[in-house]
Amino acid sequence: MLRALASDRPPVYRRAPKGSAVDAVEPAIRELLKQTPTMPATVIAERIGWERGLSILRERVRELRPAYLPADPVSRTVYQPGELAQCDLWFPPVDIPLGYGQSGRPPVLIIVSGYSRMITARMVPSRTTGDLIDGHWHLLSNWGLRTPPPTRRKQAFPPPAPPDRPPPTWPS
């Protein structure tokens, strides 16, 4: 009683954990799961000579099994909207009429959204950088994205604005 009065907290009843009937056979269960991680709990019960109820054994096997299963070789990748798009070139296996009696196999630029799996394609005249950028621009414009227009400059960046004018901005 004096201990309870001297304490700054209310008394709490604590019982020592009793353990489970499965605790005694857990090493044998772990050994069987190490050999065959997908072994059913009923087979494990048979092999260890389990004579009690199966529900408590099944619960323990369910807790232990994930530690012995191999890693999943295929995991699903999830993308957020606008996070990723896959771009590729496809070359048609047949000649396509190009007009004026000419035919050829021009590349087809394909873009697939990682989130929605929306696919768009556009035939481009060649594999040159300008044609590919133009193809990307047209395909992304059809998706309704608000991106800056492509530039056909030879410079990597626009020239700096004169000090008396604000820097250029992309149209909205």
Protein backbone atom coordinates (compact mmCIF):
# COMPACT_ATOMS: atom_id res chain seq x y z
CA MET A 1 0.00 0.00 0.00
CA LEU A 2 2.83 2.41 0.86
CA ARG A 3 4.44 1.76 -2.52
CA ALA A 4 1.20 2.69 -4.31
CA LEU A 5 0.91 5.94 -2.34
CA ALA A 6 4.54 6.86 -2.95
CA SER A 7 4.27 6.32 -6.73
CA ASP A 8 3.40 9.19 -9.09
CA ARG A 9 1.26 6.83 -11.24
CA PRO A 10 -1.78 4.71 -10.49
CA PRO A 11 -1.05 1.05 -9.80
CA VAL A 12 -1.13 -1.29 -12.81
CA TYR A 13 -1.71 -5.00 -12.64
CA ARG A 14 0.91 -6.86 -14.67
CA ARG A 15 0.85 -10.56 -15.32
CA ALA A 16 3.95 -12.34 -16.57
CA PRO A 17 3.46 -13.56 -20.14
CA LYS A 18 2.42 -17.20 -20.03
CA GLY A 19 3.69 -18.20 -23.46
CA SER A 20 2.06 -20.40 -26.01
CA ALA A 21 1.94 -24.12 -26.62
CA VAL A 22 3.56 -23.45 -30.00
CA ASP A 23 6.66 -21.88 -28.41
CA ALA A 24 8.09 -25.34 -27.63
CA VAL A 25 7.91 -26.48 -31.28
CA GLU A 26 8.78 -23.16 -32.97
CA PRO A 27 12.40 -24.20 -33.75
CA ALA A 28 11.09 -27.30 -35.57
CA ILE A 29 8.59 -25.15 -37.50
CA ARG A 30 11.35 -22.74 -38.49
CA GLU A 31 13.52 -25.63 -39.71
CA LEU A 32 10.71 -27.01 -41.87
CA LEU A 33 9.93 -23.54 -43.29
CA LYS A 34 13.64 -23.06 -44.03
CA GLN A 35 13.58 -26.23 -46.16
CA THR A 36 10.17 -25.61 -47.79
CA PRO A 37 8.72 -22.12 -47.20
CA THR A 38 5.37 -22.96 -48.84
CA MET A 39 4.69 -26.09 -46.78
CA PRO A 40 1.06 -26.04 -45.53
CA ALA A 41 0.44 -25.76 -41.78
CA THR A 42 -1.34 -29.14 -41.79
CA VAL A 43 1.78 -30.87 -43.16
CA ILE A 44 3.95 -29.04 -40.61
CA ALA A 45 1.61 -30.23 -37.84
CA GLU A 46 1.96 -33.80 -39.09
CA ARG A 47 5.76 -33.65 -39.28
CA ILE A 48 6.28 -32.15 -35.81
CA GLY A 49 3.71 -34.45 -34.19
CA TRP A 50 1.29 -31.64 -33.25
CA GLU A 51 -1.66 -33.02 -31.26
CA ARG A 52 -3.40 -29.79 -30.24
CA GLY A 53 -5.74 -27.46 -32.11
CA LEU A 54 -4.66 -26.39 -35.60
CA SER A 55 -5.79 -22.76 -35.38
CA ILE A 56 -3.02 -21.69 -32.97
CA LEU A 57 -0.39 -23.52 -35.07
CA ARG A 58 -1.72 -21.99 -38.30
CA GLU A 59 -1.51 -18.52 -36.76
CA ARG A 60 2.13 -19.00 -35.75
CA VAL A 61 3.05 -20.45 -39.17
CA ARG A 62 1.35 -17.44 -40.80
CA GLU A 63 3.54 -15.13 -38.67
CA LEU A 64 6.77 -17.02 -39.41
CA ARG A 65 6.35 -17.88 -43.11
CA PRO A 66 7.14 -14.40 -44.63
CA ALA A 67 10.67 -14.53 -43.18
CA TYR A 68 11.39 -17.70 -45.18
CA LEU A 69 9.69 -16.89 -48.48
CA PRO A 70 12.00 -15.74 -51.28
CA ALA A 71 11.75 -12.13 -52.42
CA ASP A 72 9.14 -11.50 -55.09
CA PRO A 73 11.07 -11.22 -58.38
CA VAL A 74 8.35 -9.09 -59.94
CA SER A 75 7.04 -6.09 -58.10
CA ARG A 76 4.52 -3.66 -59.47
CA THR A 77 5.85 -0.21 -60.12
CA VAL A 78 3.44 2.64 -59.50
CA TYR A 79 3.73 6.05 -61.15
CA GLN A 80 2.03 9.33 -60.31
CA PRO A 81 0.21 11.27 -63.07
CA GLY A 82 2.74 13.12 -65.25
CA GLU A 83 5.74 11.47 -63.58
CA LEU A 84 6.95 9.29 -66.44
CA ALA A 85 6.42 8.62 -70.14
CA GLN A 86 8.15 5.97 -72.25
CA CYS A 87 9.27 7.11 -75.71
CA ASP A 88 10.37 4.83 -78.50
CA LEU A 89 10.78 4.61 -82.27
CA TRP A 90 9.06 1.93 -84.32
CA PHE A 91 10.01 1.15 -87.89
CA PRO A 92 7.14 -0.27 -89.98
CA PRO A 93 7.96 -3.62 -91.62
CA VAL A 94 6.46 -2.57 -94.99
CA ASP A 95 7.02 0.34 -97.36
CA ILE A 96 4.55 3.19 -96.94
CA PRO A 97 3.52 5.42 -99.88
CA LEU A 98 5.00 8.88 -99.26
CA GLY A 99 3.51 10.63 -102.28
CA TYR A 100 4.79 11.56 -105.73
CA GLY A 101 5.42 7.89 -106.53
CA GLN A 102 7.82 7.45 -103.63
CA SER A 103 7.61 4.95 -100.79
CA GLY A 104 9.72 4.36 -97.69
CA ARG A 105 9.77 3.29 -94.07
CA PRO A 106 9.81 6.46 -91.98
CA PRO A 107 10.07 6.00 -88.20
CA VAL A 108 7.02 6.24 -85.95
CA LEU A 109 7.55 8.03 -82.62
CA ILE A 110 5.52 6.40 -79.83
CA ILE A 111 4.92 7.79 -76.32
CA VAL A 112 3.17 5.82 -73.55
CA SER A 113 2.21 7.36 -70.21
CA GLY A 114 3.49 5.41 -67.20
CA TYR A 115 0.41 6.28 -65.14
CA SER A 116 -2.57 5.96 -67.49
CA ARG A 117 -0.93 3.77 -70.17
CA MET A 118 -2.28 6.24 -72.74
CA ILE A 119 -0.44 5.70 -76.01
CA THR A 120 0.10 8.17 -78.86
CA ALA A 121 2.10 7.82 -82.03
CA ARG A 122 3.22 10.06 -84.89
CA MET A 123 5.14 9.29 -88.05
CA VAL A 124 8.19 11.53 -88.33
CA PRO A 125 10.15 12.24 -91.53
CA SER A 126 13.54 11.19 -90.13
CA ARG A 127 15.52 10.38 -86.99
CA THR A 128 17.15 13.81 -86.83
CA THR A 129 16.95 15.75 -83.59
CA GLY A 130 14.70 18.45 -85.00
CA ASP A 131 12.15 15.96 -86.32
CA LEU A 132 12.15 14.00 -83.06
CA ILE A 133 11.69 17.11 -80.91
CA ASP A 134 8.89 18.27 -83.21
CA GLY A 135 7.25 14.84 -82.92
CA HIS A 136 7.52 14.90 -79.14
CA TRP A 137 6.04 18.39 -79.07
CA HIS A 138 3.03 17.42 -81.17
CA LEU A 139 2.35 14.22 -79.19
CA LEU A 140 2.66 15.93 -75.79
CA SER A 141 0.51 18.84 -77.00
CA ASN A 142 -2.26 16.36 -77.76
CA TRP A 143 -2.14 15.22 -74.14
CA GLY A 144 -3.00 18.75 -73.03
CA LEU A 145 0.27 19.33 -71.18
CA ARG A 146 1.40 22.87 -70.53
CA THR A 147 5.01 22.79 -71.62
CA PRO A 148 7.22 25.46 -73.14
CA PRO A 149 7.30 25.46 -76.96
CA PRO A 150 10.32 23.84 -78.60
CA THR A 151 13.07 26.16 -79.77
CA ARG A 152 14.93 25.76 -83.02
CA ARG A 153 17.96 27.71 -81.82
CA LYS A 154 21.45 26.32 -81.95
CA GLN A 155 22.06 27.64 -78.42
CA ALA A 156 21.30 25.52 -75.41
CA PHE A 157 19.83 28.50 -73.47
CA PRO A 158 18.18 31.75 -74.56
CA PRO A 159 20.44 34.79 -74.46
CA PRO A 160 20.22 36.87 -71.28
CA ALA A 161 17.67 39.67 -71.32
CA PRO A 162 18.94 43.24 -71.43
CA PRO A 163 19.01 44.87 -67.97
CA ASP A 164 16.11 47.21 -68.82
CA ARG A 165 13.73 44.32 -69.80
CA PRO A 166 12.41 41.39 -67.72
CA PRO A 167 13.52 37.90 -68.79
CA PRO A 168 11.27 36.09 -71.32
CA THR A 169 8.53 33.79 -69.99
CA TRP A 170 6.72 30.90 -71.64
CA PRO A 171 3.12 31.48 -72.68
CA SER A 172 0.51 29.80 -70.42
